[in-house]
Amino acid sequence: MSSFVKHTAAEPETYPSILLVACVAAVILALNMPIMFRFGVERGRIAFFIAIAVAAVAAAAVGIEAMSALSAFKVDLITVLLLSVIATLVISIISVLLSFRFYQRRMVS
């Protein structure tokens, strides 16, 4: 990432990291929208912080086990990236559908 600040050529090893960070950011946004539409801005912000805290604790707890499992199965980086992108797309689609549903309920009420 420092190559972007220093205006030097990025190393090929940084591209998978950038893709994974983009997937995580998209998932965070996908979690945020339905929560905001369901609970409103004030309560939704609190619910979102709680959801992020729970996700962070779960990721930390599962992360070490997942890394050892991935290394045991010799899963390559391309597979992990592909599964990450697919999971991000699925989560985003579900988020949009839930957001529409919550918004429609809010407009009817």
PDB file of N, CA and C in Angstrom:
ATOM      1  N   MET A   1       0.807  -1.186   0.000  1.00  0.00           N
ATOM      2  CA  MET A   1       0.000   0.000   0.000  1.00  0.00           C
ATOM      3  C   MET A   1       0.851   1.252   0.000  1.00  0.00           C
ATOM      4  N   SER A   2       2.053   1.141   0.514  1.00  0.00           N
ATOM      5  CA  SER A   2       2.907   2.323   0.546  1.00  0.00           C
ATOM      6  C   SER A   2       3.304   2.761  -0.855  1.00  0.00           C
ATOM      7  N   SER A   3       3.215   1.862  -1.820  1.00  0.00           N
ATOM      8  CA  SER A   3       3.561   2.234  -3.192  1.00  0.00           C
ATOM      9  C   SER A   3       2.590   3.274  -3.746  1.00  0.00           C
ATOM     10  N   PHE A   4       1.352   3.269  -3.257  1.00  0.00           N
ATOM     11  CA  PHE A   4       0.390   4.271  -3.709  1.00  0.00           C
ATOM     12  C   PHE A   4       0.738   5.652  -3.162  1.00  0.00           C
ATOM     13  N   VAL A   5       1.258   5.687  -1.970  1.00  0.00           N
ATOM     14  CA  VAL A   5       1.635   6.957  -1.361  1.00  0.00           C
ATOM     15  C   VAL A   5       2.928   7.477  -1.968  1.00  0.00           C
ATOM     16  N   LYS A   6       3.859   6.565  -2.206  1.00  0.00           N
ATOM     17  CA  LYS A   6       5.173   6.951  -2.738  1.00  0.00           C
ATOM     18  C   LYS A   6       5.179   7.102  -4.251  1.00  0.00           C
ATOM     19  N   HIS A   7       4.078   6.804  -4.911  1.00  0.00           N
ATOM     20  CA  HIS A   7       3.961   6.874  -6.371  1.00  0.00           C
ATOM     21  C   HIS A   7       4.980   5.975  -7.060  1.00  0.00           C
ATOM     22  N   THR A   8       5.133   4.782  -6.534  1.00  0.00           N
ATOM     23  CA  THR A   8       5.985   3.785  -7.163  1.00  0.00           C
ATOM     24  C   THR A   8       5.102   2.645  -7.658  1.00  0.00           C
ATOM     25  N   ALA A   9       5.673   1.795  -8.464  1.00  0.00           N
ATOM     26  CA  ALA A   9       4.910   0.673  -9.010  1.00  0.00           C
ATOM     27  C   ALA A   9       4.523  -0.286  -7.886  1.00  0.00           C
ATOM     28  N   ALA A  10       3.283  -0.739  -7.921  1.00  0.00           N
ATOM     29  CA  ALA A  10       2.805  -1.685  -6.914  1.00  0.00           C
ATOM     30  C   ALA A  10       3.349  -3.068  -7.231  1.00  0.00           C
ATOM     31  N   GLU A  11       3.661  -3.784  -6.192  1.00  0.00           N
ATOM     32  CA  GLU A  11       4.140  -5.151  -6.367  1.00  0.00           C
ATOM     33  C   GLU A  11       2.942  -6.060  -6.614  1.00  0.00           C
ATOM     34  N   PRO A  12       3.115  -7.098  -7.405  1.00  0.00           N
ATOM     35  CA  PRO A  12       1.983  -7.992  -7.707  1.00  0.00           C
ATOM     36  C   PRO A  12       1.371  -8.640  -6.470  1.00  0.00           C
ATOM     37  N   GLU A  13       2.140  -8.763  -5.387  1.00  0.00           N
ATOM     38  CA  GLU A  13       1.613  -9.378  -4.175  1.00  0.00           C
ATOM     39  C   GLU A  13       0.579  -8.507  -3.479  1.00  0.00           C
ATOM     40  N   THR A  14       0.538  -7.225  -3.795  1.00  0.00           N
ATOM     41  CA  THR A  14      -0.413  -6.341  -3.118  1.00  0.00           C
ATOM     42  C   THR A  14      -1.814  -6.419  -3.715  1.00  0.00           C
ATOM     43  N   TYR A  15      -1.957  -6.843  -4.940  1.00  0.00           N
ATOM     44  CA  TYR A  15      -3.270  -6.872  -5.585  1.00  0.00           C
ATOM     45  C   TYR A  15      -4.263  -7.804  -4.897  1.00  0.00           C
ATOM     46  N   PRO A  16      -3.876  -9.020  -4.494  1.00  0.00           N
ATOM     47  CA  PRO A  16      -4.845  -9.849  -3.754  1.00  0.00           C
ATOM     48  C   PRO A  16      -5.274  -9.203  -2.437  1.00  0.00           C
ATOM     49  N   SER A  17      -4.359  -8.541  -1.763  1.00  0.00           N
ATOM     50  CA  SER A  17      -4.716  -7.869  -0.512  1.00  0.00           C
ATOM     51  C   SER A  17      -5.713  -6.755  -0.767  1.00  0.00           C
ATOM     52  N   ILE A  18      -5.504  -6.004  -1.823  1.00  0.00           N
ATOM     53  CA  ILE A  18      -6.419  -4.924  -2.165  1.00  0.00           C
ATOM     54  C   ILE A  18      -7.802  -5.484  -2.480  1.00  0.00           C
ATOM     55  N   LEU A  19      -7.856  -6.589  -3.213  1.00  0.00           N
ATOM     56  CA  LEU A  19      -9.137  -7.209  -3.545  1.00  0.00           C
ATOM     57  C   LEU A  19      -9.859  -7.702  -2.292  1.00  0.00           C
ATOM     58  N   LEU A  20      -9.130  -8.318  -1.373  1.00  0.00           N
ATOM     59  CA  LEU A  20      -9.757  -8.795  -0.145  1.00  0.00           C
ATOM     60  C   LEU A  20     -10.249  -7.644   0.728  1.00  0.00           C
ATOM     61  N   VAL A  21      -9.487  -6.560   0.793  1.00  0.00           N
ATOM     62  CA  VAL A  21      -9.925  -5.391   1.555  1.00  0.00           C
ATOM     63  C   VAL A  21     -11.176  -4.787   0.921  1.00  0.00           C
ATOM     64  N   ALA A  22     -11.227  -4.750  -0.404  1.00  0.00           N
ATOM     65  CA  ALA A  22     -12.416  -4.240  -1.092  1.00  0.00           C
ATOM     66  C   ALA A  22     -13.627  -5.128  -0.811  1.00  0.00           C
ATOM     67  N   CYS A  23     -13.429  -6.436  -0.766  1.00  0.00           N
ATOM     68  CA  CYS A  23     -14.527  -7.355  -0.448  1.00  0.00           C
ATOM     69  C   CYS A  23     -15.027  -7.131   0.975  1.00  0.00           C
ATOM     70  N   VAL A  24     -14.117  -6.965   1.916  1.00  0.00           N
ATOM     71  CA  VAL A  24     -14.512  -6.724   3.305  1.00  0.00           C
ATOM     72  C   VAL A  24     -15.270  -5.406   3.413  1.00  0.00           C
ATOM     73  N   ALA A  25     -14.799  -4.375   2.723  1.00  0.00           N
ATOM     74  CA  ALA A  25     -15.481  -3.076   2.756  1.00  0.00           C
ATOM     75  C   ALA A  25     -16.886  -3.182   2.160  1.00  0.00           C
ATOM     76  N   ALA A  26     -17.023  -3.921   1.072  1.00  0.00           N
ATOM     77  CA  ALA A  26     -18.340  -4.089   0.447  1.00  0.00           C
ATOM     78  C   ALA A  26     -19.282  -4.860   1.363  1.00  0.00           C
ATOM     79  N   VAL A  27     -18.771  -5.847   2.068  1.00  0.00           N
ATOM     80  CA  VAL A  27     -19.603  -6.613   2.996  1.00  0.00           C
ATOM     81  C   VAL A  27     -20.045  -5.729   4.169  1.00  0.00           C
ATOM     82  N   ILE A  28     -19.156  -4.894   4.655  1.00  0.00           N
ATOM     83  CA  ILE A  28     -19.519  -3.979   5.743  1.00  0.00           C
ATOM     84  C   ILE A  28     -20.632  -3.040   5.292  1.00  0.00           C
ATOM     85  N   LEU A  29     -20.513  -2.498   4.097  1.00  0.00           N
ATOM     86  CA  LEU A  29     -21.580  -1.640   3.572  1.00  0.00           C
ATOM     87  C   LEU A  29     -22.872  -2.418   3.364  1.00  0.00           C
ATOM     88  N   ALA A  30     -22.746  -3.661   2.910  1.00  0.00           N
ATOM     89  CA  ALA A  30     -23.929  -4.489   2.692  1.00  0.00           C
ATOM     90  C   ALA A  30     -24.625  -4.808   4.009  1.00  0.00           C
ATOM     91  N   LEU A  31     -23.882  -4.907   5.089  1.00  0.00           N
ATOM     92  CA  LEU A  31     -24.495  -5.116   6.393  1.00  0.00           C
ATOM     93  C   LEU A  31     -25.173  -3.848   6.903  1.00  0.00           C
ATOM     94  N   ASN A  32     -24.601  -2.717   6.587  1.00  0.00           N
ATOM     95  CA  ASN A  32     -25.074  -1.451   7.117  1.00  0.00           C
ATOM     96  C   ASN A  32     -26.447  -1.047   6.571  1.00  0.00           C
ATOM     97  N   MET A  33     -26.657  -1.191   5.290  1.00  0.00           N
ATOM     98  CA  MET A  33     -27.875  -0.671   4.677  1.00  0.00           C
ATOM     99  C   MET A  33     -29.158  -1.318   5.215  1.00  0.00           C
ATOM    100  N   PRO A  34     -29.280  -2.629   5.267  1.00  0.00           N
ATOM    101  CA  PRO A  34     -30.529  -3.195   5.812  1.00  0.00           C
ATOM    102  C   PRO A  34     -30.749  -2.826   7.278  1.00  0.00           C
ATOM    103  N   ILE A  35     -29.667  -2.735   8.036  1.00  0.00           N
ATOM    104  CA  ILE A  35     -29.801  -2.360   9.445  1.00  0.00           C
ATOM    105  C   ILE A  35     -30.350  -0.948   9.560  1.00  0.00           C
ATOM    106  N   MET A  36     -29.847  -0.035   8.742  1.00  0.00           N
ATOM    107  CA  MET A  36     -30.320   1.349   8.784  1.00  0.00           C
ATOM    108  C   MET A  36     -31.785   1.454   8.349  1.00  0.00           C
ATOM    109  N   PHE A  37     -32.167   0.716   7.326  1.00  0.00           N
ATOM    110  CA  PHE A  37     -33.558   0.757   6.876  1.00  0.00           C
ATOM    111  C   PHE A  37     -34.493   0.080   7.877  1.00  0.00           C
ATOM    112  N   ARG A  38     -34.011  -0.919   8.556  1.00  0.00           N
ATOM    113  CA  ARG A  38     -34.859  -1.656   9.504  1.00  0.00           C
ATOM    114  C   ARG A  38     -35.062  -0.875  10.795  1.00  0.00           C
ATOM    115  N   PHE A  39     -33.991  -0.337  11.362  1.00  0.00           N
ATOM    116  CA  PHE A  39     -34.058   0.280  12.680  1.00  0.00           C
ATOM    117  C   PHE A  39     -34.054   1.805  12.661  1.00  0.00           C
ATOM    118  N   GLY A  40     -33.791   2.413  11.525  1.00  0.00           N
ATOM    119  CA  GLY A  40     -33.654   3.864  11.477  1.00  0.00           C
ATOM    120  C   GLY A  40     -32.208   4.257  11.753  1.00  0.00           C
ATOM    121  N   VAL A  41     -31.922   5.520  11.595  1.00  0.00           N
ATOM    122  CA  VAL A  41     -30.534   5.966  11.682  1.00  0.00           C
ATOM    123  C   VAL A  41     -29.988   5.878  13.102  1.00  0.00           C
ATOM    124  N   GLU A  42     -30.726   6.337  14.081  1.00  0.00           N
ATOM    125  CA  GLU A  42     -30.218   6.375  15.454  1.00  0.00           C
ATOM    126  C   GLU A  42     -30.025   4.971  16.033  1.00  0.00           C
ATOM    127  N   ARG A  43     -31.088   4.188  16.050  1.00  0.00           N
ATOM    128  CA  ARG A  43     -30.963   2.824  16.583  1.00  0.00           C
ATOM    129  C   ARG A  43     -30.149   1.945  15.654  1.00  0.00           C
ATOM    130  N   GLY A  44     -30.201   2.227  14.340  1.00  0.00           N
ATOM    131  CA  GLY A  44     -29.437   1.449  13.371  1.00  0.00           C
ATOM    132  C   GLY A  44     -27.943   1.591  13.558  1.00  0.00           C
ATOM    133  N   ARG A  45     -27.515   2.783  13.943  1.00  0.00           N
ATOM    134  CA  ARG A  45     -26.086   3.002  14.177  1.00  0.00           C
ATOM    135  C   ARG A  45     -25.596   2.145  15.340  1.00  0.00           C
ATOM    136  N   ILE A  46     -26.385   2.089  16.392  1.00  0.00           N
ATOM    137  CA  ILE A  46     -26.012   1.254  17.544  1.00  0.00           C
ATOM    138  C   ILE A  46     -26.029  -0.221  17.157  1.00  0.00           C
ATOM    139  N   ALA A  47     -27.062  -0.635  16.440  1.00  0.00           N
ATOM    140  CA  ALA A  47     -27.150  -2.030  15.999  1.00  0.00           C
ATOM    141  C   ALA A  47     -25.996  -2.387  15.060  1.00  0.00           C
ATOM    142  N   PHE A  48     -25.602  -1.428  14.220  1.00  0.00           N
ATOM    143  CA  PHE A  48     -24.500  -1.672  13.297  1.00  0.00           C
ATOM    144  C   PHE A  48     -23.186  -1.837  14.053  1.00  0.00           C
ATOM    145  N   PHE A  49     -22.950  -0.998  15.044  1.00  0.00           N
ATOM    146  CA  PHE A  49     -21.731  -1.127  15.844  1.00  0.00           C
ATOM    147  C   PHE A  49     -21.692  -2.463  16.571  1.00  0.00           C
ATOM    148  N   ILE A  50     -22.833  -2.891  17.079  1.00  0.00           N
ATOM    149  CA  ILE A  50     -22.900  -4.189  17.746  1.00  0.00           C
ATOM    150  C   ILE A  50     -22.630  -5.312  16.742  1.00  0.00           C
ATOM    151  N   ALA A  51     -23.214  -5.206  15.545  1.00  0.00           N
ATOM    152  CA  ALA A  51     -22.989  -6.232  14.508  1.00  0.00           C
ATOM    153  C   ALA A  51     -21.521  -6.291  14.103  1.00  0.00           C
ATOM    154  N   ILE A  52     -20.881  -5.143  13.968  1.00  0.00           N
ATOM    155  CA  ILE A  52     -19.459  -5.120  13.611  1.00  0.00           C
ATOM    156  C   ILE A  52     -18.616  -5.711  14.727  1.00  0.00           C
ATOM    157  N   ALA A  53     -18.940  -5.399  15.972  1.00  0.00           N
ATOM    158  CA  ALA A  53     -18.189  -5.958  17.104  1.00  0.00           C
ATOM    159  C   ALA A  53     -18.324  -7.477  17.152  1.00  0.00           C
ATOM    160  N   VAL A  54     -19.537  -7.969  16.955  1.00  0.00           N
ATOM    161  CA  VAL A  54     -19.760  -9.419  16.955  1.00  0.00           C
ATOM    162  C   VAL A  54     -19.005 -10.071  15.790  1.00  0.00           C
ATOM    163  N   ALA A  55     -19.051  -9.438  14.622  1.00  0.00           N
ATOM    164  CA  ALA A  55     -18.347  -9.976  13.455  1.00  0.00           C
ATOM    165  C   ALA A  55     -16.838  -9.977  13.676  1.00  0.00           C
ATOM    166  N   ALA A  56     -16.316  -8.942  14.310  1.00  0.00           N
ATOM    167  CA  ALA A  56     -14.877  -8.875  14.557  1.00  0.00           C
ATOM    168  C   ALA A  56     -14.432  -9.956  15.538  1.00  0.00           C
ATOM    169  N   VAL A  57     -15.216 -10.154  16.580  1.00  0.00           N
ATOM    170  CA  VAL A  57     -14.884 -11.198  17.551  1.00  0.00           C
ATOM    171  C   VAL A  57     -14.977 -12.575  16.899  1.00  0.00           C
ATOM    172  N   ALA A  58     -16.026 -12.785  16.107  1.00  0.00           N
ATOM    173  CA  ALA A  58     -16.183 -14.072  15.421  1.00  0.00           C
ATOM    174  C   ALA A  58     -15.059 -14.303  14.422  1.00  0.00           C
ATOM    175  N   ALA A  59     -14.682 -13.257  13.687  1.00  0.00           N
ATOM    176  CA  ALA A  59     -13.597 -13.390  12.712  1.00  0.00           C
ATOM    177  C   ALA A  59     -12.275 -13.694  13.406  1.00  0.00           C
ATOM    178  N   ALA A  60     -12.053 -13.060  14.534  1.00  0.00           N
ATOM    179  CA  ALA A  60     -10.819 -13.332  15.276  1.00  0.00           C
ATOM    180  C   ALA A  60     -10.815 -14.761  15.817  1.00  0.00           C
ATOM    181  N   ALA A  61     -11.965 -15.219  16.280  1.00  0.00           N
ATOM    182  CA  ALA A  61     -12.041 -16.572  16.833  1.00  0.00           C
ATOM    183  C   ALA A  61     -11.914 -17.632  15.750  1.00  0.00           C
ATOM    184  N   VAL A  62     -12.538 -17.387  14.616  1.00  0.00           N
ATOM    185  CA  VAL A  62     -12.548 -18.371  13.541  1.00  0.00           C
ATOM    186  C   VAL A  62     -11.328 -18.220  12.640  1.00  0.00           C
ATOM    187  N   GLY A  63     -10.764 -17.036  12.590  1.00  0.00           N
ATOM    188  CA  GLY A  63      -9.681 -16.749  11.653  1.00  0.00           C
ATOM    189  C   GLY A  63      -8.479 -17.662  11.777  1.00  0.00           C
ATOM    190  N   ILE A  64      -8.036 -17.916  12.989  1.00  0.00           N
ATOM    191  CA  ILE A  64      -6.860 -18.757  13.198  1.00  0.00           C
ATOM    192  C   ILE A  64      -7.149 -20.182  12.758  1.00  0.00           C
ATOM    193  N   GLU A  65      -8.329 -20.677  13.119  1.00  0.00           N
ATOM    194  CA  GLU A  65      -8.708 -22.037  12.714  1.00  0.00           C
ATOM    195  C   GLU A  65      -8.870 -22.128  11.202  1.00  0.00           C
ATOM    196  N   ALA A  66      -9.435 -21.100  10.603  1.00  0.00           N
ATOM    197  CA  ALA A  66      -9.641 -21.114   9.151  1.00  0.00           C
ATOM    198  C   ALA A  66      -8.308 -21.096   8.415  1.00  0.00           C
ATOM    199  N   MET A  67      -7.360 -20.324   8.906  1.00  0.00           N
ATOM    200  CA  MET A  67      -6.045 -20.269   8.261  1.00  0.00           C
ATOM    201  C   MET A  67      -5.339 -21.611   8.335  1.00  0.00           C
ATOM    202  N   SER A  68      -5.413 -22.264   9.474  1.00  0.00           N
ATOM    203  CA  SER A  68      -4.770 -23.568   9.584  1.00  0.00           C
ATOM    204  C   SER A  68      -5.496 -24.601   8.720  1.00  0.00           C
ATOM    205  N   ALA A  69      -6.823 -24.490   8.618  1.00  0.00           N
ATOM    206  CA  ALA A  69      -7.570 -25.419   7.766  1.00  0.00           C
ATOM    207  C   ALA A  69      -7.241 -25.186   6.302  1.00  0.00           C
ATOM    208  N   LEU A  70      -7.130 -23.919   5.897  1.00  0.00           N
ATOM    209  CA  LEU A  70      -6.783 -23.625   4.511  1.00  0.00           C
ATOM    210  C   LEU A  70      -5.393 -24.134   4.167  1.00  0.00           C
ATOM    211  N   SER A  71      -4.453 -23.986   5.084  1.00  0.00           N
ATOM    212  CA  SER A  71      -3.106 -24.468   4.799  1.00  0.00           C
ATOM    213  C   SER A  71      -3.061 -25.992   4.783  1.00  0.00           C
ATOM    214  N   ALA A  72      -3.913 -26.634   5.588  1.00  0.00           N
ATOM    215  CA  ALA A  72      -3.952 -28.096   5.596  1.00  0.00           C
ATOM    216  C   ALA A  72      -4.517 -28.636   4.292  1.00  0.00           C
ATOM    217  N   PHE A  73      -5.465 -27.924   3.689  1.00  0.00           N
ATOM    218  CA  PHE A  73      -6.066 -28.365   2.438  1.00  0.00           C
ATOM    219  C   PHE A  73      -5.314 -27.863   1.216  1.00  0.00           C
ATOM    220  N   LYS A  74      -4.283 -27.078   1.435  1.00  0.00           N
ATOM    221  CA  LYS A  74      -3.465 -26.541   0.341  1.00  0.00           C
ATOM    222  C   LYS A  74      -4.319 -25.739  -0.642  1.00  0.00           C
ATOM    223  N   VAL A  75      -5.206 -24.903  -0.110  1.00  0.00           N
ATOM    224  CA  VAL A  75      -6.051 -24.062  -0.940  1.00  0.00           C
ATOM    225  C   VAL A  75      -5.201 -22.924  -1.483  1.00  0.00           C
ATOM    226  N   ASP A  76      -5.274 -22.716  -2.778  1.00  0.00           N
ATOM    227  CA  ASP A  76      -4.452 -21.662  -3.371  1.00  0.00           C
ATOM    228  C   ASP A  76      -5.136 -20.305  -3.251  1.00  0.00           C
ATOM    229  N   LEU A  77      -4.375 -19.273  -3.480  1.00  0.00           N
ATOM    230  CA  LEU A  77      -4.843 -17.905  -3.305  1.00  0.00           C
ATOM    231  C   LEU A  77      -5.954 -17.548  -4.283  1.00  0.00           C
ATOM    232  N   ILE A  78      -5.874 -18.052  -5.498  1.00  0.00           N
ATOM    233  CA  ILE A  78      -6.899 -17.755  -6.503  1.00  0.00           C
ATOM    234  C   ILE A  78      -8.262 -18.275  -6.049  1.00  0.00           C
ATOM    235  N   THR A  79      -8.297 -19.455  -5.465  1.00  0.00           N
ATOM    236  CA  THR A  79      -9.550 -20.019  -4.973  1.00  0.00           C
ATOM    237  C   THR A  79     -10.129 -19.163  -3.849  1.00  0.00           C
ATOM    238  N   VAL A  80      -9.275 -18.730  -2.935  1.00  0.00           N
ATOM    239  CA  VAL A  80      -9.729 -17.884  -1.837  1.00  0.00           C
ATOM    240  C   VAL A  80     -10.281 -16.564  -2.375  1.00  0.00           C
ATOM    241  N   LEU A  81      -9.587 -15.971  -3.334  1.00  0.00           N
ATOM    242  CA  LEU A  81     -10.051 -14.709  -3.918  1.00  0.00           C
ATOM    243  C   LEU A  81     -11.370 -14.893  -4.650  1.00  0.00           C
ATOM    244  N   LEU A  82     -11.492 -15.963  -5.408  1.00  0.00           N
ATOM    245  CA  LEU A  82     -12.729 -16.230  -6.140  1.00  0.00           C
ATOM    246  C   LEU A  82     -13.898 -16.446  -5.190  1.00  0.00           C
ATOM    247  N   LEU A  83     -13.687 -17.231  -4.145  1.00  0.00           N
ATOM    248  CA  LEU A  83     -14.741 -17.463  -3.165  1.00  0.00           C
ATOM    249  C   LEU A  83     -15.097 -16.178  -2.417  1.00  0.00           C
ATOM    250  N   SER A  84     -14.116 -15.340  -2.164  1.00  0.00           N
ATOM    251  CA  SER A  84     -14.374 -14.057  -1.490  1.00  0.00           C
ATOM    252  C   SER A  84     -15.233 -13.145  -2.354  1.00  0.00           C
ATOM    253  N   VAL A  85     -14.921 -13.076  -3.633  1.00  0.00           N
ATOM    254  CA  VAL A  85     -15.697 -12.232  -4.540  1.00  0.00           C
ATOM    255  C   VAL A  85     -17.118 -12.769  -4.681  1.00  0.00           C
ATOM    256  N   ILE A  86     -17.268 -14.079  -4.812  1.00  0.00           N
ATOM    257  CA  ILE A  86     -18.603 -14.681  -4.935  1.00  0.00           C
ATOM    258  C   ILE A  86     -19.411 -14.448  -3.662  1.00  0.00           C
ATOM    259  N   ALA A  87     -18.788 -14.655  -2.505  1.00  0.00           N
ATOM    260  CA  ALA A  87     -19.490 -14.428  -1.235  1.00  0.00           C
ATOM    261  C   ALA A  87     -19.893 -12.965  -1.091  1.00  0.00           C
ATOM    262  N   THR A  88     -19.027 -12.057  -1.513  1.00  0.00           N
ATOM    263  CA  THR A  88     -19.343 -10.630  -1.444  1.00  0.00           C
ATOM    264  C   THR A  88     -20.526 -10.296  -2.332  1.00  0.00           C
ATOM    265  N   LEU A  89     -20.563 -10.855  -3.534  1.00  0.00           N
ATOM    266  CA  LEU A  89     -21.691 -10.609  -4.435  1.00  0.00           C
ATOM    267  C   LEU A  89     -22.997 -11.159  -3.868  1.00  0.00           C
ATOM    268  N   VAL A  90     -22.955 -12.349  -3.317  1.00  0.00           N
ATOM    269  CA  VAL A  90     -24.163 -12.950  -2.737  1.00  0.00           C
ATOM    270  C   VAL A  90     -24.658 -12.125  -1.558  1.00  0.00           C
ATOM    271  N   ILE A  91     -23.755 -11.730  -0.682  1.00  0.00           N
ATOM    272  CA  ILE A  91     -24.132 -10.914   0.476  1.00  0.00           C
ATOM    273  C   ILE A  91     -24.690  -9.571   0.022  1.00  0.00           C
ATOM    274  N   SER A  92     -24.107  -8.980  -0.998  1.00  0.00           N
ATOM    275  CA  SER A  92     -24.586  -7.690  -1.499  1.00  0.00           C
ATOM    276  C   SER A  92     -25.983  -7.809  -2.106  1.00  0.00           C
ATOM    277  N   ILE A  93     -26.239  -8.869  -2.844  1.00  0.00           N
ATOM    278  CA  ILE A  93     -27.562  -9.079  -3.433  1.00  0.00           C
ATOM    279  C   ILE A  93     -28.614  -9.275  -2.338  1.00  0.00           C
ATOM    280  N   ILE A  94     -28.285 -10.073  -1.339  1.00  0.00           N
ATOM    281  CA  ILE A  94     -29.201 -10.277  -0.219  1.00  0.00           C
ATOM    282  C   ILE A  94     -29.445  -8.951   0.504  1.00  0.00           C
ATOM    283  N   SER A  95     -28.403  -8.159   0.660  1.00  0.00           N
ATOM    284  CA  SER A  95     -28.527  -6.857   1.316  1.00  0.00           C
ATOM    285  C   SER A  95     -29.464  -5.923   0.560  1.00  0.00           C
ATOM    286  N   VAL A  96     -29.331  -5.895  -0.750  1.00  0.00           N
ATOM    287  CA  VAL A  96     -30.208  -5.035  -1.560  1.00  0.00           C
ATOM    288  C   VAL A  96     -31.657  -5.492  -1.437  1.00  0.00           C
ATOM    289  N   LEU A  97     -31.885  -6.788  -1.509  1.00  0.00           N
ATOM    290  CA  LEU A  97     -33.243  -7.307  -1.393  1.00  0.00           C
ATOM    291  C   LEU A  97     -33.849  -6.995  -0.022  1.00  0.00           C
ATOM    292  N   LEU A  98     -33.072  -7.192   1.042  1.00  0.00           N
ATOM    293  CA  LEU A  98     -33.555  -6.856   2.374  1.00  0.00           C
ATOM    294  C   LEU A  98     -33.804  -5.359   2.528  1.00  0.00           C
ATOM    295  N   SER A  99     -32.916  -4.548   1.975  1.00  0.00           N
ATOM    296  CA  SER A  99     -33.069  -3.092   2.072  1.00  0.00           C
ATOM    297  C   SER A  99     -34.356  -2.643   1.387  1.00  0.00           C
ATOM    298  N   PHE A 100     -34.622  -3.173   0.193  1.00  0.00           N
ATOM    299  CA  PHE A 100     -35.869  -2.841  -0.495  1.00  0.00           C
ATOM    300  C   PHE A 100     -37.084  -3.245   0.332  1.00  0.00           C
ATOM    301  N   ARG A 101     -37.016  -4.435   0.908  1.00  0.00           N
ATOM    302  CA  ARG A 101     -38.129  -4.928   1.703  1.00  0.00           C
ATOM    303  C   ARG A 101     -38.374  -4.041   2.925  1.00  0.00           C
ATOM    304  N   PHE A 102     -37.312  -3.696   3.659  1.00  0.00           N
ATOM    305  CA  PHE A 102     -37.452  -2.848   4.840  1.00  0.00           C
ATOM    306  C   PHE A 102     -37.921  -1.440   4.456  1.00  0.00           C
ATOM    307  N   TYR A 103     -37.439  -0.934   3.340  1.00  0.00           N
ATOM    308  CA  TYR A 103     -37.845   0.397   2.898  1.00  0.00           C
ATOM    309  C   TYR A 103     -39.327   0.414   2.531  1.00  0.00           C
ATOM    310  N   GLN A 104     -39.770  -0.626   1.827  1.00  0.00           N
ATOM    311  CA  GLN A 104     -41.184  -0.696   1.462  1.00  0.00           C
ATOM    312  C   GLN A 104     -42.070  -0.786   2.689  1.00  0.00           C
ATOM    313  N   ARG A 105     -41.652  -1.559   3.691  1.00  0.00           N
ATOM    314  CA  ARG A 105     -42.423  -1.645   4.936  1.00  0.00           C
ATOM    315  C   ARG A 105     -42.488  -0.282   5.629  1.00  0.00           C
ATOM    316  N   ARG A 106     -41.396   0.448   5.587  1.00  0.00           N
ATOM    317  CA  ARG A 106     -41.343   1.752   6.237  1.00  0.00           C
ATOM    318  C   ARG A 106     -42.248   2.737   5.514  1.00  0.00           C
ATOM    319  N   MET A 107     -42.328   2.643   4.188  1.00  0.00           N
ATOM    320  CA  MET A 107     -43.158   3.560   3.409  1.00  0.00           C
ATOM    321  C   MET A 107     -44.644   3.261   3.587  1.00  0.00           C
ATOM    322  N   VAL A 108     -45.006   1.995   3.800  1.00  0.00           N
ATOM    323  CA  VAL A 108     -46.402   1.615   3.980  1.00  0.00           C
ATOM    324  C   VAL A 108     -46.882   2.040   5.350  1.00  0.00           C
ATOM    325  N   SER A 109     -46.033   1.936   6.341  1.00  0.00           N
ATOM    326  CA  SER A 109     -46.430   2.285   7.719  1.00  0.00           C
ATOM    327  C   SER A 109     -46.634   3.737   7.924  1.00  0.00           C
TER     328      SER A 109
END
